[in-house]
Amino acid sequence: STGLSSTGGSHAGAGDEPGRIRRPDREIPLGAGLARRRIRVTSRSARPIRVSSHYPFWRVNPRLEFDRAAATGYRLDIPAGESIRWAPGEVRDVDLVAVRAAAPDPG
């Protein structure tokens, strides 16, 4: 499970001054309660392929070979702004997490 953690919740100044950052004293799980699955992905590309955190995984480069039906409705289970890179011919197991969507994806 991926999460964010803090070194502590205490900061200089005890008030609620504007701009104050409050951090919990525990790890915050990312995507808590969302469905997850693991799939094996093979790169059939002659060049590196990179996929970012929130891109709909079933729509990635067609030279990444995997069960697209199983990946429909999922994205990589990595923190926002991060990505995973496949070298040519690389095989990698990745964890996916369900996409939260307000409306159905048109395809």
N, C-alpha and C. Protein backbone atom coordinates (compact mmCIF):
# COMPACT_ATOMS: atom_id res chain seq x y z
N SER A 1 0.84 -1.18 0.00
CA SER A 1 0.00 0.00 0.00
C SER A 1 0.88 1.23 0.00
N THR A 2 0.50 2.20 -0.77
CA THR A 2 1.26 3.44 -0.86
C THR A 2 0.66 4.45 0.09
N GLY A 3 1.50 5.25 0.73
CA GLY A 3 1.00 6.24 1.66
C GLY A 3 1.96 7.39 1.83
N LEU A 4 1.50 8.44 2.46
CA LEU A 4 2.32 9.59 2.78
C LEU A 4 2.54 9.59 4.27
N SER A 5 3.73 9.96 4.69
CA SER A 5 3.98 10.01 6.12
C SER A 5 4.60 11.34 6.49
N SER A 6 4.60 11.63 7.76
CA SER A 6 5.11 12.89 8.29
C SER A 6 6.08 12.59 9.40
N THR A 7 7.00 13.52 9.62
CA THR A 7 7.94 13.35 10.72
C THR A 7 7.32 13.79 12.03
N GLY A 8 6.16 14.37 11.99
CA GLY A 8 5.49 14.77 13.22
C GLY A 8 4.44 15.81 12.97
N GLY A 9 3.57 16.02 13.95
CA GLY A 9 2.49 16.97 13.79
C GLY A 9 2.70 18.25 14.54
N SER A 10 3.78 18.39 15.29
CA SER A 10 3.97 19.61 16.06
C SER A 10 4.85 20.59 15.28
N HIS A 11 4.49 21.85 15.33
CA HIS A 11 5.20 22.91 14.61
C HIS A 11 5.32 24.12 15.52
N ALA A 12 6.22 25.00 15.18
CA ALA A 12 6.35 26.25 15.94
C ALA A 12 5.05 27.02 15.84
N GLY A 13 4.61 27.59 16.92
CA GLY A 13 3.34 28.34 16.92
C GLY A 13 2.19 27.40 17.17
N ALA A 14 1.44 27.66 18.22
CA ALA A 14 0.37 26.75 18.59
C ALA A 14 -0.98 27.18 18.05
N GLY A 15 -1.06 28.36 17.43
CA GLY A 15 -2.34 28.88 16.97
C GLY A 15 -2.73 28.36 15.60
N ASP A 16 -3.82 28.91 15.11
CA ASP A 16 -4.30 28.56 13.78
C ASP A 16 -4.00 29.69 12.80
N GLU A 17 -2.76 30.18 12.83
CA GLU A 17 -2.38 31.30 11.97
C GLU A 17 -2.53 30.92 10.49
N PRO A 18 -2.84 31.92 9.63
CA PRO A 18 -2.99 31.65 8.20
C PRO A 18 -1.73 31.02 7.62
N GLY A 19 -1.91 30.04 6.76
CA GLY A 19 -0.79 29.39 6.10
C GLY A 19 -0.15 28.27 6.90
N ARG A 20 -0.62 28.05 8.10
CA ARG A 20 -0.04 26.99 8.93
C ARG A 20 -0.33 25.64 8.30
N ILE A 21 0.66 24.78 8.28
CA ILE A 21 0.51 23.43 7.75
C ILE A 21 0.37 22.47 8.92
N ARG A 22 -0.72 21.74 8.93
CA ARG A 22 -0.94 20.74 9.98
C ARG A 22 -0.75 19.36 9.38
N ARG A 23 0.09 18.58 9.99
CA ARG A 23 0.35 17.23 9.50
C ARG A 23 -0.03 16.22 10.57
N PRO A 24 -0.61 15.12 10.17
CA PRO A 24 -0.95 14.09 11.15
C PRO A 24 0.32 13.36 11.60
N ASP A 25 0.22 12.71 12.73
CA ASP A 25 1.34 11.93 13.27
C ASP A 25 1.29 10.48 12.79
N ARG A 26 0.60 10.23 11.69
CA ARG A 26 0.47 8.87 11.17
C ARG A 26 0.55 8.90 9.65
N GLU A 27 0.70 7.71 9.06
CA GLU A 27 0.73 7.61 7.60
C GLU A 27 -0.69 7.78 7.05
N ILE A 28 -0.80 8.46 5.92
CA ILE A 28 -2.08 8.64 5.25
C ILE A 28 -2.10 7.70 4.04
N PRO A 29 -2.97 6.69 4.03
CA PRO A 29 -3.00 5.77 2.89
C PRO A 29 -3.57 6.45 1.65
N LEU A 30 -2.94 6.20 0.51
CA LEU A 30 -3.41 6.77 -0.75
C LEU A 30 -4.39 5.81 -1.40
N GLY A 31 -5.51 6.33 -1.87
CA GLY A 31 -6.50 5.49 -2.54
C GLY A 31 -7.14 4.47 -1.62
N ALA A 32 -7.30 4.81 -0.36
CA ALA A 32 -7.88 3.87 0.60
C ALA A 32 -9.28 3.46 0.16
N GLY A 33 -9.57 2.19 0.21
CA GLY A 33 -10.89 1.68 -0.12
C GLY A 33 -11.12 1.43 -1.61
N LEU A 34 -10.15 1.75 -2.46
CA LEU A 34 -10.31 1.54 -3.89
C LEU A 34 -9.83 0.14 -4.27
N ALA A 35 -10.47 -0.44 -5.29
CA ALA A 35 -10.07 -1.77 -5.77
C ALA A 35 -8.67 -1.71 -6.36
N ARG A 36 -7.92 -2.78 -6.19
CA ARG A 36 -6.56 -2.88 -6.71
C ARG A 36 -6.38 -4.21 -7.43
N ARG A 37 -5.43 -4.23 -8.35
CA ARG A 37 -5.04 -5.48 -9.01
C ARG A 37 -3.62 -5.36 -9.52
N ARG A 38 -2.99 -6.50 -9.72
CA ARG A 38 -1.62 -6.54 -10.25
C ARG A 38 -1.65 -7.22 -11.61
N ILE A 39 -0.93 -6.63 -12.58
CA ILE A 39 -0.86 -7.23 -13.91
C ILE A 39 0.59 -7.24 -14.38
N ARG A 40 0.88 -8.15 -15.29
CA ARG A 40 2.21 -8.24 -15.90
C ARG A 40 2.18 -7.49 -17.23
N VAL A 41 3.19 -6.63 -17.42
CA VAL A 41 3.27 -5.77 -18.60
C VAL A 41 4.61 -6.01 -19.29
N THR A 42 4.56 -6.23 -20.61
CA THR A 42 5.76 -6.44 -21.42
C THR A 42 5.88 -5.33 -22.44
N SER A 43 7.06 -4.74 -22.54
CA SER A 43 7.29 -3.71 -23.56
C SER A 43 7.75 -4.38 -24.85
N ARG A 44 7.04 -4.12 -25.93
CA ARG A 44 7.40 -4.61 -27.26
C ARG A 44 7.97 -3.47 -28.10
N SER A 45 8.32 -2.38 -27.46
CA SER A 45 8.84 -1.19 -28.14
C SER A 45 10.36 -1.26 -28.28
N ALA A 46 10.88 -0.59 -29.29
CA ALA A 46 12.33 -0.46 -29.46
C ALA A 46 12.85 0.74 -28.67
N ARG A 47 11.95 1.51 -28.08
CA ARG A 47 12.32 2.69 -27.31
C ARG A 47 11.70 2.62 -25.92
N PRO A 48 12.27 3.35 -24.96
CA PRO A 48 11.66 3.37 -23.62
C PRO A 48 10.25 3.95 -23.64
N ILE A 49 9.41 3.45 -22.77
CA ILE A 49 8.04 3.96 -22.63
C ILE A 49 7.85 4.32 -21.16
N ARG A 50 7.29 5.51 -20.93
CA ARG A 50 7.03 5.98 -19.57
C ARG A 50 5.53 6.23 -19.43
N VAL A 51 4.96 5.80 -18.29
CA VAL A 51 3.54 6.01 -18.01
C VAL A 51 3.44 6.75 -16.68
N SER A 52 2.68 7.85 -16.68
CA SER A 52 2.54 8.65 -15.46
C SER A 52 1.41 8.14 -14.57
N SER A 53 1.40 8.65 -13.36
CA SER A 53 0.54 8.14 -12.29
C SER A 53 -0.95 8.08 -12.60
N HIS A 54 -1.51 9.10 -13.18
CA HIS A 54 -2.97 9.16 -13.31
C HIS A 54 -3.49 8.90 -14.72
N TYR A 55 -2.61 8.45 -15.61
CA TYR A 55 -3.06 8.16 -16.97
C TYR A 55 -3.88 6.87 -16.95
N PRO A 56 -5.03 6.85 -17.64
CA PRO A 56 -5.84 5.62 -17.69
C PRO A 56 -5.01 4.47 -18.27
N PHE A 57 -4.71 3.47 -17.47
CA PHE A 57 -3.72 2.47 -17.87
C PHE A 57 -4.14 1.69 -19.11
N TRP A 58 -5.41 1.46 -19.31
CA TRP A 58 -5.87 0.70 -20.47
C TRP A 58 -5.65 1.46 -21.77
N ARG A 59 -5.30 2.75 -21.69
CA ARG A 59 -5.07 3.58 -22.88
C ARG A 59 -3.59 3.84 -23.17
N VAL A 60 -2.70 3.21 -22.43
CA VAL A 60 -1.28 3.48 -22.62
C VAL A 60 -0.80 3.00 -23.99
N ASN A 61 0.43 3.30 -24.31
CA ASN A 61 1.06 2.95 -25.58
C ASN A 61 0.72 1.50 -25.96
N PRO A 62 0.25 1.29 -27.19
CA PRO A 62 -0.12 -0.06 -27.61
C PRO A 62 1.07 -1.03 -27.67
N ARG A 63 2.29 -0.52 -27.59
CA ARG A 63 3.46 -1.40 -27.57
C ARG A 63 3.72 -1.98 -26.18
N LEU A 64 2.93 -1.55 -25.19
CA LEU A 64 2.95 -2.23 -23.90
C LEU A 64 1.89 -3.32 -23.97
N GLU A 65 2.31 -4.55 -23.78
CA GLU A 65 1.43 -5.71 -23.95
C GLU A 65 0.98 -6.22 -22.58
N PHE A 66 -0.35 -6.28 -22.40
CA PHE A 66 -0.93 -6.77 -21.14
C PHE A 66 -2.42 -6.97 -21.37
N ASP A 67 -3.12 -7.48 -20.38
CA ASP A 67 -4.56 -7.71 -20.46
C ASP A 67 -5.29 -6.38 -20.29
N ARG A 68 -5.60 -5.73 -21.40
CA ARG A 68 -6.23 -4.40 -21.36
C ARG A 68 -7.63 -4.45 -20.75
N ALA A 69 -8.35 -5.53 -20.96
CA ALA A 69 -9.68 -5.65 -20.36
C ALA A 69 -9.57 -5.63 -18.84
N ALA A 70 -8.56 -6.31 -18.29
CA ALA A 70 -8.37 -6.34 -16.84
C ALA A 70 -7.95 -4.98 -16.30
N ALA A 71 -7.32 -4.16 -17.15
CA ALA A 71 -6.83 -2.84 -16.73
C ALA A 71 -7.85 -1.73 -16.92
N THR A 72 -8.96 -2.02 -17.60
CA THR A 72 -9.97 -0.99 -17.85
C THR A 72 -10.53 -0.46 -16.54
N GLY A 73 -10.49 0.87 -16.39
CA GLY A 73 -10.97 1.51 -15.18
C GLY A 73 -9.91 1.67 -14.10
N TYR A 74 -8.65 1.38 -14.45
CA TYR A 74 -7.55 1.43 -13.48
C TYR A 74 -6.43 2.34 -13.95
N ARG A 75 -5.63 2.81 -12.99
CA ARG A 75 -4.41 3.59 -13.24
C ARG A 75 -3.31 2.99 -12.38
N LEU A 76 -2.06 3.43 -12.60
CA LEU A 76 -0.95 2.94 -11.78
C LEU A 76 -1.16 3.33 -10.32
N ASP A 77 -0.84 2.44 -9.42
CA ASP A 77 -0.95 2.70 -7.98
C ASP A 77 0.37 3.27 -7.47
N ILE A 78 0.65 4.52 -7.90
CA ILE A 78 1.85 5.24 -7.48
C ILE A 78 1.43 6.67 -7.13
N PRO A 79 2.21 7.38 -6.32
CA PRO A 79 1.84 8.75 -5.95
C PRO A 79 1.73 9.69 -7.15
N ALA A 80 0.89 10.70 -7.02
CA ALA A 80 0.69 11.70 -8.07
C ALA A 80 2.02 12.30 -8.50
N GLY A 81 2.17 12.45 -9.81
CA GLY A 81 3.37 13.07 -10.37
C GLY A 81 4.50 12.09 -10.65
N GLU A 82 4.39 10.86 -10.18
CA GLU A 82 5.43 9.88 -10.45
C GLU A 82 5.09 9.11 -11.73
N SER A 83 6.05 8.34 -12.23
CA SER A 83 5.83 7.55 -13.43
C SER A 83 6.66 6.27 -13.35
N ILE A 84 6.34 5.34 -14.24
CA ILE A 84 7.09 4.09 -14.36
C ILE A 84 7.60 4.01 -15.79
N ARG A 85 8.84 3.56 -15.94
CA ARG A 85 9.48 3.48 -17.25
C ARG A 85 9.76 2.03 -17.59
N TRP A 86 9.43 1.65 -18.83
CA TRP A 86 9.76 0.34 -19.36
C TRP A 86 10.87 0.50 -20.39
N ALA A 87 11.94 -0.24 -20.23
CA ALA A 87 13.00 -0.29 -21.24
C ALA A 87 12.53 -1.24 -22.34
N PRO A 88 13.12 -1.15 -23.53
CA PRO A 88 12.73 -2.08 -24.60
C PRO A 88 12.85 -3.54 -24.14
N GLY A 89 11.77 -4.30 -24.33
CA GLY A 89 11.74 -5.71 -23.97
C GLY A 89 11.54 -6.01 -22.50
N GLU A 90 11.45 -4.99 -21.66
CA GLU A 90 11.31 -5.21 -20.22
C GLU A 90 9.93 -5.78 -19.86
N VAL A 91 9.93 -6.71 -18.90
CA VAL A 91 8.70 -7.30 -18.35
C VAL A 91 8.64 -6.87 -16.90
N ARG A 92 7.48 -6.36 -16.49
CA ARG A 92 7.34 -5.84 -15.12
C ARG A 92 5.92 -6.08 -14.64
N ASP A 93 5.79 -6.48 -13.36
CA ASP A 93 4.48 -6.56 -12.72
C ASP A 93 4.20 -5.21 -12.09
N VAL A 94 2.99 -4.67 -12.34
CA VAL A 94 2.63 -3.37 -11.76
C VAL A 94 1.32 -3.49 -11.00
N ASP A 95 1.19 -2.65 -9.98
CA ASP A 95 -0.04 -2.57 -9.21
C ASP A 95 -0.89 -1.44 -9.77
N LEU A 96 -2.17 -1.73 -9.96
CA LEU A 96 -3.13 -0.75 -10.45
C LEU A 96 -4.16 -0.48 -9.38
N VAL A 97 -4.75 0.71 -9.42
CA VAL A 97 -5.81 1.09 -8.49
C VAL A 97 -6.96 1.64 -9.32
N ALA A 98 -8.19 1.39 -8.88
CA ALA A 98 -9.37 1.85 -9.61
C ALA A 98 -9.36 3.37 -9.71
N VAL A 99 -9.81 3.87 -10.85
CA VAL A 99 -9.93 5.31 -11.08
C VAL A 99 -11.23 5.78 -10.46
N ARG A 100 -11.15 6.87 -9.74
CA ARG A 100 -12.39 7.49 -9.23
C ARG A 100 -12.91 8.38 -10.34
N ALA A 101 -14.12 8.13 -10.78
CA ALA A 101 -14.68 8.93 -11.88
C ALA A 101 -16.09 9.36 -11.53
N ALA A 102 -16.41 10.59 -11.86
CA ALA A 102 -17.75 11.11 -11.62
C ALA A 102 -18.72 10.60 -12.67
N ALA A 103 -18.21 10.30 -13.85
CA ALA A 103 -19.07 9.84 -14.95
C ALA A 103 -18.37 8.68 -15.64
N PRO A 104 -19.12 7.82 -16.33
CA PRO A 104 -18.49 6.71 -17.04
C PRO A 104 -17.54 7.22 -18.13
N ASP A 105 -16.46 6.49 -18.33
CA ASP A 105 -15.48 6.84 -19.36
C ASP A 105 -16.05 6.44 -20.72
N PRO A 106 -16.07 7.37 -21.69
CA PRO A 106 -16.65 7.05 -22.99
C PRO A 106 -15.82 6.08 -23.81
N GLY A 107 -14.64 5.73 -23.35
CA GLY A 107 -13.88 4.72 -24.08
C GLY A 107 -12.57 5.21 -24.49
